[in-house]
Amino acid sequence: MRPSAVSTASYRKRGKILGLALLAAPAVVLVQWWDLALEIRNQARVDEARPADVIVILGAAAYRGRPSPVLKARLDHGLALYRRGLAPRILTTGGSGGDPVHTEGEVGRAYLVQHKVPSEAILVEPEGESTVHSLAAAAEIMQRLNLRSCIVVSDDYHVYRAKRILEARGFRVFGSPRPAPPRDALTEWWLCVRQAIAYWLWTMGIAI
């Protein structure tokens, strides 16, 4: 076979291999997302609450200075952990979320003070515009005060990502999902897959 013919055959072979790889890549990513969604689902079903330095309550919507039902449920769960003596401090997180007056973190603090938590026991992160931003700011507060372990309180499907983000900064993290009404299987899996994608984006340096 002439050299030019060998070269042409080689290019064709390489082209086929590249084409197959491009076709397989989306399938590989989907499998990774599915496996990650399964990990998220398993984490969502576990309450790891135990003694720690601080309870971190992730923010959610607030309306005119009042917590939304989701934020209230998170705050109530964090409050119950605090009353059990599992941590001496609570850290509330979350920025304005579109409210020009109140932030989620400040609304959380006010709610806890109304429920007899001493103001000096509450730390506030009032600027985060996303899960990643809030946790980065919370981590800075914790590092500044030499707090090395925490209980993360959020919705069940959200706990895995929050844990991994804080663990990446060197903290010992325990997840404790707030109580929630049961969901149908399709909704549960969709929430887990959505979190898997958000987590994957974070590993790629995209913060949401």
Protein backbone atom coordinates (compact mmCIF):
# COMPACT_ATOMS: atom_id res chain seq x y z
CA MET A 1 0.00 0.00 0.00
CA ARG A 2 1.29 3.42 -0.90
CA PRO A 3 2.22 5.83 1.98
CA SER A 4 -0.55 8.23 0.98
CA ALA A 5 -3.11 5.42 1.14
CA VAL A 6 -1.86 4.40 4.60
CA SER A 7 -2.11 7.99 5.76
CA THR A 8 -5.67 8.32 4.47
CA ALA A 9 -6.76 5.07 6.17
CA SER A 10 -5.17 6.21 9.42
CA TYR A 11 -7.00 9.54 9.33
CA ARG A 12 -10.29 7.77 8.65
CA LYS A 13 -9.73 5.44 11.59
CA ARG A 14 -8.93 8.34 13.87
CA GLY A 15 -11.99 10.17 12.63
CA LYS A 16 -14.23 7.21 13.47
CA ILE A 17 -12.74 6.92 16.95
CA LEU A 18 -13.23 10.66 17.57
CA GLY A 19 -16.81 10.44 16.31
CA LEU A 20 -17.60 7.54 18.63
CA ALA A 21 -16.01 9.40 21.54
CA LEU A 22 -18.14 12.48 20.85
CA LEU A 23 -21.26 10.33 20.71
CA ALA A 24 -20.36 8.54 23.95
CA ALA A 25 -19.46 11.68 25.93
CA PRO A 26 -23.05 12.82 26.63
CA ALA A 27 -23.96 9.31 27.78
CA VAL A 28 -21.00 9.26 30.17
CA VAL A 29 -22.01 12.63 31.62
CA LEU A 30 -25.61 11.47 32.07
CA VAL A 31 -24.45 8.35 33.91
CA GLN A 32 -22.25 10.51 36.17
CA TRP A 33 -25.19 12.82 36.91
CA TRP A 34 -27.42 9.86 37.68
CA ASP A 35 -24.87 8.31 40.06
CA LEU A 36 -24.45 11.67 41.75
CA ALA A 37 -28.23 12.09 42.03
CA LEU A 38 -28.34 8.73 43.80
CA GLU A 39 -25.70 9.92 46.30
CA ILE A 40 -27.71 13.10 46.87
CA ARG A 41 -30.88 11.07 47.43
CA ASN A 42 -29.11 8.82 49.95
CA GLN A 43 -27.69 11.83 51.81
CA ALA A 44 -31.14 13.42 51.90
CA ARG A 45 -32.48 10.51 53.94
CA VAL A 46 -29.86 10.76 56.71
CA ASP A 47 -29.82 13.07 59.73
CA GLU A 48 -26.23 13.33 60.93
CA ALA A 49 -26.83 15.95 63.64
CA ARG A 50 -24.28 15.71 66.45
CA PRO A 51 -22.26 18.15 68.59
CA ALA A 52 -20.50 20.81 66.53
CA ASP A 53 -19.19 24.36 66.81
CA VAL A 54 -22.06 26.02 64.95
CA ILE A 55 -25.38 25.32 63.22
CA VAL A 56 -25.47 26.77 59.69
CA ILE A 57 -29.00 27.46 58.45
CA LEU A 58 -29.15 28.09 54.72
CA GLY A 59 -31.39 30.92 53.61
CA ALA A 60 -34.59 30.78 51.60
CA ALA A 61 -37.17 33.33 50.55
CA ALA A 62 -38.39 35.95 53.00
CA TYR A 63 -41.40 38.22 52.53
CA ARG A 64 -41.33 41.75 53.95
CA GLY A 65 -39.25 40.72 56.92
CA ARG A 66 -41.01 37.42 57.52
CA PRO A 67 -39.63 33.98 56.69
CA SER A 68 -41.33 32.00 53.96
CA PRO A 69 -42.69 28.56 54.96
CA VAL A 70 -39.48 26.94 53.70
CA LEU A 71 -37.21 29.33 55.60
CA LYS A 72 -39.37 29.01 58.72
CA ALA A 73 -39.10 25.21 58.57
CA ARG A 74 -35.31 25.47 58.30
CA LEU A 75 -35.13 27.94 61.17
CA ASP A 76 -37.40 25.82 63.36
CA HIS A 77 -35.24 22.77 62.72
CA GLY A 78 -32.04 24.68 63.47
CA LEU A 79 -33.67 26.05 66.61
CA ALA A 80 -34.57 22.53 67.75
CA LEU A 81 -30.95 21.42 67.26
CA TYR A 82 -29.74 24.45 69.24
CA ARG A 83 -32.15 23.69 72.08
CA ARG A 84 -30.80 20.13 72.17
CA GLY A 85 -27.44 21.66 72.98
CA LEU A 86 -25.74 20.40 69.81
CA ALA A 87 -23.98 23.72 69.15
CA PRO A 88 -23.51 26.99 71.07
CA ARG A 89 -24.02 29.19 68.00
CA ILE A 90 -26.26 29.52 64.95
CA LEU A 91 -25.22 31.08 61.65
CA THR A 92 -28.00 32.28 59.36
CA THR A 93 -27.27 32.93 55.69
CA GLY A 94 -28.74 34.63 52.67
CA GLY A 95 -28.83 37.99 50.91
CA SER A 96 -31.76 40.17 49.92
CA GLY A 97 -33.25 37.84 47.33
CA GLY A 98 -34.92 40.84 45.70
CA ASP A 99 -36.11 42.47 48.94
CA PRO A 100 -34.59 45.98 49.11
CA VAL A 101 -34.98 46.18 52.89
CA HIS A 102 -34.50 42.75 54.47
CA THR A 103 -32.01 39.96 53.88
CA GLU A 104 -32.70 36.28 54.46
CA GLY A 105 -29.88 36.11 57.01
CA GLU A 106 -31.23 39.06 58.99
CA VAL A 107 -34.79 37.73 58.86
CA GLY A 108 -33.48 34.44 60.21
CA ARG A 109 -31.68 36.21 63.03
CA ALA A 110 -34.78 38.22 64.00
CA TYR A 111 -36.90 35.05 64.00
CA LEU A 112 -34.45 33.23 66.27
CA VAL A 113 -34.22 36.17 68.68
CA GLN A 114 -38.04 36.19 68.87
CA HIS A 115 -37.77 32.55 69.90
CA LYS A 116 -35.44 33.31 72.80
CA VAL A 117 -32.06 32.61 71.21
CA PRO A 118 -29.57 35.12 72.68
CA SER A 119 -28.49 37.62 70.04
CA GLU A 120 -24.83 37.03 70.91
CA ALA A 121 -25.26 33.36 69.93
CA ILE A 122 -26.32 34.25 66.38
CA LEU A 123 -23.99 34.96 63.47
CA VAL A 124 -25.32 36.41 60.21
CA GLU A 125 -24.16 36.14 56.61
CA PRO A 126 -26.37 38.72 54.83
CA GLU A 127 -24.88 39.02 51.36
CA GLY A 128 -24.94 35.64 49.60
CA GLU A 129 -26.82 35.62 46.30
CA SER A 130 -26.55 31.86 45.78
CA THR A 131 -25.77 28.69 47.68
CA VAL A 132 -22.09 28.88 46.73
CA HIS A 133 -21.73 32.56 47.59
CA SER A 134 -23.52 32.17 50.93
CA LEU A 135 -21.41 29.18 51.94
CA ALA A 136 -18.19 30.91 50.89
CA ALA A 137 -19.07 33.88 53.08
CA ALA A 138 -20.19 31.61 55.92
CA ALA A 139 -16.88 29.75 55.68
CA GLU A 140 -14.97 33.02 56.05
CA ILE A 141 -16.94 33.84 59.20
CA MET A 142 -16.29 30.39 60.62
CA GLN A 143 -12.57 30.55 59.83
CA ARG A 144 -12.29 33.98 61.43
CA LEU A 145 -13.85 32.66 64.65
CA ASN A 146 -11.92 29.35 64.52
CA LEU A 147 -15.09 27.28 64.18
CA ARG A 148 -14.05 23.97 62.68
CA SER A 149 -17.24 21.91 62.58
CA CYS A 150 -20.86 22.61 61.74
CA ILE A 151 -24.32 21.14 61.28
CA VAL A 152 -25.81 22.24 57.95
CA VAL A 153 -29.57 22.71 57.90
CA SER A 154 -31.42 22.95 54.61
CA ASP A 155 -33.89 21.03 52.48
CA ASP A 156 -33.00 17.36 52.19
CA TYR A 157 -31.99 17.41 48.51
CA HIS A 158 -29.81 20.49 49.15
CA VAL A 159 -27.71 19.09 52.00
CA TYR A 160 -25.26 17.06 49.89
CA ARG A 161 -24.04 20.03 47.87
CA ALA A 162 -23.79 22.28 50.93
CA LYS A 163 -21.77 19.64 52.76
CA ARG A 164 -19.32 19.15 49.92
CA ILE A 165 -18.76 22.89 49.45
CA LEU A 166 -17.91 23.38 53.13
CA GLU A 167 -15.86 20.20 53.32
CA ALA A 168 -13.78 21.47 50.41
CA ARG A 169 -12.78 24.35 52.69
CA GLY A 170 -11.60 22.01 55.41
CA PHE A 171 -14.58 21.92 57.77
CA ARG A 172 -16.10 18.89 59.42
CA VAL A 173 -19.72 18.97 58.29
CA PHE A 174 -22.84 17.10 59.41
CA GLY A 175 -26.04 17.30 57.39
CA SER A 176 -29.43 17.68 59.04
CA PRO A 177 -32.35 18.17 56.63
CA ARG A 178 -35.39 20.04 57.83
CA PRO A 179 -38.63 18.04 58.07
CA ALA A 180 -40.66 18.19 54.87
CA PRO A 181 -43.89 16.64 53.59
CA PRO A 182 -43.47 13.50 51.44
CA ARG A 183 -43.03 13.92 47.69
CA ASP A 184 -43.86 11.67 44.78
CA ALA A 185 -40.94 9.70 43.35
CA LEU A 186 -40.71 11.73 40.13
CA THR A 187 -40.44 15.03 42.00
CA GLU A 188 -37.86 13.58 44.37
CA TRP A 189 -35.64 12.36 41.55
CA TRP A 190 -35.98 15.60 39.61
CA LEU A 191 -34.83 17.60 42.64
CA CYS A 192 -31.86 15.29 43.12
CA VAL A 193 -30.87 15.42 39.43
CA ARG A 194 -31.11 19.22 39.46
CA GLN A 195 -28.82 19.34 42.50
CA ALA A 196 -26.44 16.92 40.79
CA ILE A 197 -26.15 19.32 37.85
CA ALA A 198 -25.63 22.28 40.22
CA TYR A 199 -22.92 20.35 42.06
CA TRP A 200 -21.23 19.39 38.79
CA LEU A 201 -21.26 23.02 37.68
CA TRP A 202 -19.64 24.00 40.99
CA THR A 203 -16.85 21.50 40.40
CA MET A 204 -16.35 23.20 37.02
CA GLY A 205 -16.05 26.61 38.71
CA ILE A 206 -19.58 27.85 37.94
CA ALA A 207 -21.32 29.14 41.07
CA ILE A 208 -25.10 28.91 41.37
